[in-house]
C-alpha atoms as a PDB file:
ATOM      1  CA  MET A   1      86.820  33.745  49.255  1.00  0.00           C
ATOM      2  CA  GLN A   2      85.710  33.314  52.863  1.00  0.00           C
ATOM      3  CA  LYS A   3      82.068  33.203  51.732  1.00  0.00           C
ATOM      4  CA  LEU A   4      82.875  30.466  49.239  1.00  0.00           C
ATOM      5  CA  LYS A   5      84.685  28.450  51.901  1.00  0.00           C
ATOM      6  CA  LYS A   6      81.706  28.759  54.257  1.00  0.00           C
ATOM      7  CA  LEU A   7      79.273  27.681  51.545  1.00  0.00           C
ATOM      8  CA  SER A   8      81.471  24.707  50.684  1.00  0.00           C
ATOM      9  CA  ASP A   9      81.603  23.746  54.362  1.00  0.00           C
ATOM     10  CA  ASP A  10      77.824  24.140  54.604  1.00  0.00           C
ATOM     11  CA  LEU A  11      77.405  21.760  51.672  1.00  0.00           C
ATOM     12  CA  ASP A  12      79.812  19.288  53.290  1.00  0.00           C
ATOM     13  CA  LYS A  13      77.769  19.318  56.490  1.00  0.00           C
ATOM     14  CA  PHE A  14      74.499  19.044  54.565  1.00  0.00           C
ATOM     15  CA  ILE A  15      75.664  16.004  52.592  1.00  0.00           C
ATOM     16  CA  SER A  16      76.992  14.407  55.782  1.00  0.00           C
ATOM     17  CA  ASP A  17      73.642  14.919  57.559  1.00  0.00           C
ATOM     18  CA  LEU A  18      71.721  13.687  54.510  1.00  0.00           C
ATOM     19  CA  THR A  19      73.913  10.596  54.136  1.00  0.00           C
ATOM     20  CA  ARG A  20      73.458   9.738  57.810  1.00  0.00           C
ATOM     21  CA  SER A  21      69.660  10.141  57.653  1.00  0.00           C
ATOM     22  CA  LYS A  22      69.403   8.108  54.434  1.00  0.00           C
ATOM     23  CA  LYS A  23      71.614   5.364  55.872  1.00  0.00           C
ATOM     24  CA  ASP A  24      69.539   5.205  59.075  1.00  0.00           C
ATOM     25  CA  PHE A  25      66.335   5.075  57.026  1.00  0.00           C
ATOM     26  CA  ASP A  26      67.646   2.285  54.770  1.00  0.00           C
ATOM     27  CA  ARG A  27      68.683   0.313  57.850  1.00  0.00           C
ATOM     28  CA  GLN A  28      65.208   0.535  59.377  1.00  0.00           C
ATOM     29  CA  ALA A  29      63.415   0.004  56.056  1.00  0.00           C
ATOM     30  CA  THR A  30      65.319  -3.242  55.454  1.00  0.00           C
ATOM     31  CA  GLY A  31      65.313  -4.332  59.101  1.00  0.00           C
ATOM     32  CA  PRO A  32      62.671  -6.415  60.901  1.00  0.00           C
ATOM     33  CA  THR A  33      59.386  -6.218  58.968  1.00  0.00           C
ATOM     34  CA  LEU A  34      56.888  -3.766  60.441  1.00  0.00           C
ATOM     35  CA  LEU A  35      53.117  -3.602  60.281  1.00  0.00           C
ATOM     36  CA  PRO A  36      51.895  -0.903  57.847  1.00  0.00           C
ATOM     37  CA  GLU A  37      50.922   1.526  60.623  1.00  0.00           C
ATOM     38  CA  GLU A  38      54.326   1.091  62.268  1.00  0.00           C
ATOM     39  CA  LYS A  39      56.143   1.524  58.970  1.00  0.00           C
ATOM     40  CA  LYS A  40      54.140   4.649  58.150  1.00  0.00           C
ATOM     41  CA  LYS A  41      55.014   6.148  61.536  1.00  0.00           C
ATOM     42  CA  MET A  42      58.687   5.445  60.846  1.00  0.00           C
ATOM     43  CA  ILE A  43      58.406   7.049  57.393  1.00  0.00           C
ATOM     44  CA  GLU A  44      56.654  10.065  58.914  1.00  0.00           C
ATOM     45  CA  ASP A  45      59.602  10.606  61.276  1.00  0.00           C
ATOM     46  CA  TYR A  46      62.069  10.501  58.386  1.00  0.00           C
ATOM     47  CA  GLN A  47      59.817  12.722  56.286  1.00  0.00           C
ATOM     48  CA  LYS A  48      60.276  15.398  58.943  1.00  0.00           C
ATOM     49  CA  ALA A  49      64.047  14.932  58.684  1.00  0.00           C
ATOM     50  CA  TYR A  50      63.747  15.249  54.896  1.00  0.00           C
ATOM     51  CA  ASP A  51      61.728  18.458  55.203  1.00  0.00           C
ATOM     52  CA  ASP A  52      64.399  19.972  57.460  1.00  0.00           C
ATOM     53  CA  LEU A  53      67.139  18.932  55.028  1.00  0.00           C
ATOM     54  CA  GLU A  54      65.224  20.428  52.111  1.00  0.00           C
ATOM     55  CA  LYS A  55      64.908  23.765  53.923  1.00  0.00           C
ATOM     56  CA  THR A  56      68.613  23.693  54.724  1.00  0.00           C
ATOM     57  CA  LEU A  57      69.573  23.054  51.098  1.00  0.00           C
ATOM     58  CA  ASP A  58      67.189  25.768  49.887  1.00  0.00           C
ATOM     59  CA  GLY A  59      68.942  28.206  52.221  1.00  0.00           C
ATOM     60  CA  ILE A  60      72.395  27.165  51.047  1.00  0.00           C
ATOM     61  CA  GLY A  61      71.266  27.362  47.420  1.00  0.00           C
ATOM     62  CA  ALA A  62      69.877  30.873  47.919  1.00  0.00           C
ATOM     63  CA  ASN A  63      73.192  32.004  49.410  1.00  0.00           C
ATOM     64  CA  ILE A  64      75.113  30.458  46.514  1.00  0.00           C
ATOM     65  CA  ASP A  65      72.872  32.161  43.950  1.00  0.00           C
ATOM     66  CA  GLU A  66      73.304  35.466  45.778  1.00  0.00           C
ATOM     67  CA  ILE A  67      77.111  35.598  45.730  1.00  0.00           C
ATOM     68  CA  LEU A  68      78.039  33.584  42.652  1.00  0.00           C
ATOM     69  CA  PRO A  69      77.715  36.467  40.159  1.00  0.00           C
ATOM     70  CA  GLU A  70      80.542  38.162  42.062  1.00  0.00           C
ATOM     71  CA  THR A  71      82.859  35.126  41.959  1.00  0.00           C
ATOM     72  CA  GLU A  72      84.673  32.969  39.437  1.00  0.00           C
ATOM     73  CA  ASP A  73      83.739  29.772  41.293  1.00  0.00           C
ATOM     74  CA  ASN A  74      80.283  29.481  39.748  1.00  0.00           C
ATOM     75  CA  SER A  75      80.528  26.034  38.145  1.00  0.00           C
ATOM     76  CA  PHE A  76      82.133  24.352  41.171  1.00  0.00           C
ATOM     77  CA  LEU A  77      79.564  25.353  43.811  1.00  0.00           C
ATOM     78  CA  GLN A  78      76.620  25.036  41.444  1.00  0.00           C
ATOM     79  CA  ARG A  79      77.742  21.523  40.569  1.00  0.00           C
ATOM     80  CA  ARG A  80      78.036  20.595  44.232  1.00  0.00           C
ATOM     81  CA  LYS A  81      74.614  22.072  44.911  1.00  0.00           C
ATOM     82  CA  GLN A  82      73.125  19.971  42.089  1.00  0.00           C
ATOM     83  CA  GLU A  83      74.817  16.844  43.426  1.00  0.00           C
ATOM     84  CA  ALA A  84      73.364  17.553  46.873  1.00  0.00           C
ATOM     85  CA  LYS A  85      69.916  18.102  45.325  1.00  0.00           C
ATOM     86  CA  GLN A  86      70.187  14.798  43.468  1.00  0.00           C
ATOM     87  CA  LYS A  87      71.017  12.935  46.692  1.00  0.00           C
ATOM     88  CA  LEU A  88      68.083  14.647  48.415  1.00  0.00           C
ATOM     89  CA  ASP A  89      65.778  13.607  45.558  1.00  0.00           C
ATOM     90  CA  GLU A  90      66.961   9.998  45.967  1.00  0.00           C
ATOM     91  CA  PHE A  91      66.022  10.188  49.652  1.00  0.00           C
ATOM     92  CA  ALA A  92      62.581  11.545  48.699  1.00  0.00           C
ATOM     93  CA  GLN A  93      62.086   8.687  46.220  1.00  0.00           C
ATOM     94  CA  ALA A  94      63.057   6.105  48.849  1.00  0.00           C
ATOM     95  CA  LEU A  95      60.490   7.589  51.242  1.00  0.00           C
ATOM     96  CA  LYS A  96      57.788   7.568  48.560  1.00  0.00           C
ATOM     97  CA  THR A  97      58.535   3.967  47.563  1.00  0.00           C
ATOM     98  CA  SER A  98      58.310   2.808  51.186  1.00  0.00           C
ATOM     99  CA  GLN A  99      55.093   4.790  51.680  1.00  0.00           C
ATOM    100  CA  ASP A 100      53.539   3.203  48.574  1.00  0.00           C
ATOM    101  CA  GLU A 101      54.553  -0.271  49.797  1.00  0.00           C
ATOM    102  CA  ALA A 102      53.055   0.366  53.238  1.00  0.00           C
ATOM    103  CA  ASP A 103      49.814   1.658  51.659  1.00  0.00           C
ATOM    104  CA  LYS A 104      49.565  -1.433  49.437  1.00  0.00           C
ATOM    105  CA  VAL A 105      50.085  -3.841  52.332  1.00  0.00           C
ATOM    106  CA  GLU A 106      47.612  -1.933  54.498  1.00  0.00           C
ATOM    107  CA  VAL A 107      44.932  -2.163  51.786  1.00  0.00           C
ATOM    108  CA  VAL A 108      45.514  -5.921  51.335  1.00  0.00           C
ATOM    109  CA  LEU A 109      45.405  -6.588  55.090  1.00  0.00           C
ATOM    110  CA  LYS A 110      42.192  -4.592  55.628  1.00  0.00           C
ATOM    111  CA  LYS A 111      40.559  -6.142  52.550  1.00  0.00           C
ATOM    112  CA  GLY A 112      41.638  -9.613  53.674  1.00  0.00           C
ATOM    113  CA  GLU A 113      40.258  -9.109  57.177  1.00  0.00           C
ATOM    114  CA  LYS A 114      36.835  -8.100  55.807  1.00  0.00           C
ATOM    115  CA  GLU A 115      36.818 -10.972  53.324  1.00  0.00           C
ATOM    116  CA  ARG A 116      37.709 -13.505  56.032  1.00  0.00           C
ATOM    117  CA  LEU A 117      34.820 -12.286  58.172  1.00  0.00           C
ATOM    118  CA  VAL A 118      32.407 -12.608  55.237  1.00  0.00           C
ATOM    119  CA  LEU A 119      33.816 -16.030  54.346  1.00  0.00           C
ATOM    120  CA  MET A 120      33.502 -17.202  57.949  1.00  0.00           C
ATOM    121  CA  ASP A 121      29.902 -15.983  58.095  1.00  0.00           C
ATOM    122  CA  ASN A 122      28.990 -17.749  54.831  1.00  0.00           C
ATOM    123  CA  MET A 123      30.728 -20.903  56.029  1.00  0.00           C
ATOM    124  CA  LEU A 124      28.725 -20.903  59.279  1.00  0.00           C
ATOM    125  CA  LEU A 125      25.489 -20.427  57.316  1.00  0.00           C
ATOM    126  CA  LEU A 126      26.430 -23.353  55.088  1.00  0.00           C
ATOM    127  CA  GLU A 127      27.188 -25.548  58.117  1.00  0.00           C
ATOM    128  CA  GLU A 128      23.813 -24.636  59.586  1.00  0.00           C
ATOM    129  CA  ASP A 129      22.028 -25.468  56.332  1.00  0.00           C
ATOM    130  CA  ILE A 130      23.827 -28.823  56.032  1.00  0.00           C
ATOM    131  CA  ASP A 131      23.058 -29.771  59.627  1.00  0.00           C
ATOM    132  CA  SER A 132      19.363 -28.971  59.052  1.00  0.00           C
ATOM    133  CA  LEU A 133      19.061 -31.319  56.072  1.00  0.00           C
ATOM    134  CA  ASP A 134      16.683 -34.231  56.484  1.00  0.00           C
ATOM    135  CA  PRO A 135      17.917 -37.765  55.799  1.00  0.00           C
ATOM    136  CA  ILE A 136      17.547 -38.828  52.179  1.00  0.00           C
ATOM    137  CA  SER A 137      13.959 -39.938  51.672  1.00  0.00           C
ATOM    138  CA  VAL A 138      12.921 -43.297  50.237  1.00  0.00           C
ATOM    139  CA  ASN A 139      10.391 -41.395  48.150  1.00  0.00           C
ATOM    140  CA  VAL A 140      11.898 -40.942  44.675  1.00  0.00           C
ATOM    141  CA  ALA A 141      10.508 -37.470  44.044  1.00  0.00           C
ATOM    142  CA  THR A 142      11.561 -36.237  47.474  1.00  0.00           C
ATOM    143  CA  ALA A 143      14.981 -37.863  47.150  1.00  0.00           C
ATOM    144  CA  THR A 144      15.514 -36.177  43.768  1.00  0.00           C
ATOM    145  CA  SER A 145      14.686 -32.797  45.268  1.00  0.00           C
ATOM    146  CA  GLN A 146      17.035 -33.473  48.168  1.00  0.00           C
ATOM    147  CA  SER A 147      19.823 -34.463  45.761  1.00  0.00           C
ATOM    148  CA  LEU A 148      19.442 -31.194  43.891  1.00  0.00           C
ATOM    149  CA  GLN A 149      19.541 -29.358  47.216  1.00  0.00           C
ATOM    150  CA  THR A 150      22.729 -31.238  48.146  1.00  0.00           C
ATOM    151  CA  MET A 151      24.326 -30.395  44.784  1.00  0.00           C
ATOM    152  CA  THR A 152      23.510 -26.707  45.240  1.00  0.00           C
ATOM    153  CA  MET A 153      25.140 -26.691  48.649  1.00  0.00           C
ATOM    154  CA  ALA A 154      28.154 -28.572  47.286  1.00  0.00           C
ATOM    155  CA  GLU A 155      28.586 -25.908  44.579  1.00  0.00           C
ATOM    156  CA  LYS A 156      28.355 -23.194  47.234  1.00  0.00           C
ATOM    157  CA  CYS A 157      30.972 -25.008  49.311  1.00  0.00           C
ATOM    158  CA  GLU A 158      33.335 -25.186  46.304  1.00  0.00           C
ATOM    159  CA  GLY A 159      32.787 -21.478  45.685  1.00  0.00           C
ATOM    160  CA  LEU A 160      33.797 -20.703  49.274  1.00  0.00           C
ATOM    161  CA  LYS A 161      36.898 -22.867  48.826  1.00  0.00           C
ATOM    162  CA  ARG A 162      37.873 -20.811  45.765  1.00  0.00           C
ATOM    163  CA  GLN A 163      37.459 -17.625  47.768  1.00  0.00           C
ATOM    164  CA  LEU A 164      39.668 -19.130  50.453  1.00  0.00           C
ATOM    165  CA  GLU A 165      42.385 -19.901  47.900  1.00  0.00           C
ATOM    166  CA  ASP A 166      42.203 -16.327  46.568  1.00  0.00           C
ATOM    167  CA  GLN A 167      42.815 -15.044  50.085  1.00  0.00           C
ATOM    168  CA  ARG A 168      45.760 -17.409  50.515  1.00  0.00           C
ATOM    169  CA  TYR A 169      47.310 -16.042  47.305  1.00  0.00           C
ATOM    170  CA  ASP A 170      46.799 -12.467  48.555  1.00  0.00           C
ATOM    171  CA  VAL A 171      48.606 -13.274  51.807  1.00  0.00           C
ATOM    172  CA  GLU A 172      51.413 -15.013  49.915  1.00  0.00           C
ATOM    173  CA  ASP A 173      51.813 -11.924  47.732  1.00  0.00           C
ATOM    174  CA  ILE A 174      52.628  -9.716  50.749  1.00  0.00           C
ATOM    175  CA  SER A 175      54.194 -12.387  52.978  1.00  0.00           C
ATOM    176  CA  SER A 176      57.630 -10.745  52.844  1.00  0.00           C
ATOM    177  CA  ASP A 177      56.148  -7.340  53.740  1.00  0.00           C
ATOM    178  CA  ILE A 178      54.385  -8.291  56.989  1.00  0.00           C
ATOM    179  CA  PRO A 179      55.746  -9.558  60.316  1.00  0.00           C
ATOM    180  CA  ALA A 180      56.049 -13.351  60.526  1.00  0.00           C
ATOM    181  CA  GLU A 181      53.715 -13.435  63.543  1.00  0.00           C
ATOM    182  CA  THR A 182      50.990 -11.560  61.646  1.00  0.00           C
ATOM    183  CA  ARG A 183      51.350 -13.913  58.676  1.00  0.00           C
ATOM    184  CA  LYS A 184      51.090 -16.955  60.959  1.00  0.00           C
ATOM    185  CA  GLU A 185      47.922 -15.602  62.596  1.00  0.00           C
ATOM    186  CA  ILE A 186      46.261 -15.032  59.218  1.00  0.00           C
ATOM    187  CA  GLU A 187      47.354 -18.441  57.929  1.00  0.00           C
ATOM    188  CA  LYS A 188      45.968 -20.037  61.092  1.00  0.00           C
ATOM    189  CA  GLU A 189      42.583 -18.379  60.515  1.00  0.00           C
ATOM    190  CA  LEU A 190      42.555 -19.477  56.880  1.00  0.00           C
ATOM    191  CA  LYS A 191      43.478 -23.041  57.830  1.00  0.00           C
ATOM    192  CA  SER A 192      40.638 -23.154  60.354  1.00  0.00           C
ATOM    193  CA  ILE A 193      38.181 -22.000  57.694  1.00  0.00           C
ATOM    194  CA  GLY A 194      39.619 -24.511  55.226  1.00  0.00           C
ATOM    195  CA  ASP A 195      39.269 -27.388  57.693  1.00  0.00           C
ATOM    196  CA  LYS A 196      35.624 -26.512  58.325  1.00  0.00           C
ATOM    197  CA  LEU A 197      34.889 -26.247  54.611  1.00  0.00           C
ATOM    198  CA  ASN A 198      36.495 -29.649  53.994  1.00  0.00           C
ATOM    199  CA  LYS A 199      34.361 -31.099  56.766  1.00  0.00           C
ATOM    200  CA  SER A 200      31.220 -29.638  55.195  1.00  0.00           C
ATOM    201  CA  SER A 201      32.275 -30.936  51.799  1.00  0.00           C
ATOM    202  CA  ASP A 202      32.733 -34.431  53.213  1.00  0.00           C
ATOM    203  CA  LYS A 203      29.268 -34.348  54.777  1.00  0.00           C
ATOM    204  CA  LEU A 204      27.725 -33.432  51.422  1.00  0.00           C
ATOM    205  CA  LYS A 205      29.673 -36.147  49.598  1.00  0.00           C
ATOM    206  CA  ASN A 206      28.507 -38.749  52.119  1.00  0.00           C
ATOM    207  CA  ARG A 207      24.907 -37.754  51.447  1.00  0.00           C
ATOM    208  CA  GLY A 208      25.430 -38.378  47.749  1.00  0.00           C
ATOM    209  CA  ASP A 209      26.950 -41.843  48.242  1.00  0.00           C
END
């Protein structure tokens, strides 16, 4: 009977420790938004707590399995052990969900950073090409060629604008999963690119008028 009491107490302590860790994790996971690397570090710390809890429950479970054949309390302790295992599994699922979310945001942020650099580079090349254009010639043949050149650049400018909009949608998609300051910095970069593209577009339109 004393062994059963100790095992029951062990399960009580385990569930108390698990509940406290899960509650602390939920509080941090729903608290101020973290950058992916910060969130992953937080998850890593709680993963260690989970691993320790899992070892503890395995030990308690082994002790229960060892003495239960000699007792009549089989169903009670086994049921409590299963309930504890279910709560531990819920903690594991919460960790995995948060890890998946952090991985997704990290991929979007890294992809977005590369795409902004490429977009900025293409925008600067377009600006350079526009600034190097000669004034529209009075010669009809030359003017026609220049008009085609202007149209090609205008199409390229519109293509860059579409890429910019795609990036804005990507940022909007994860806006609630990144710190406000990070979102503002990205939006500021995108606005700067957008302003420059609009300026280039206006220059090309003026050439066609």
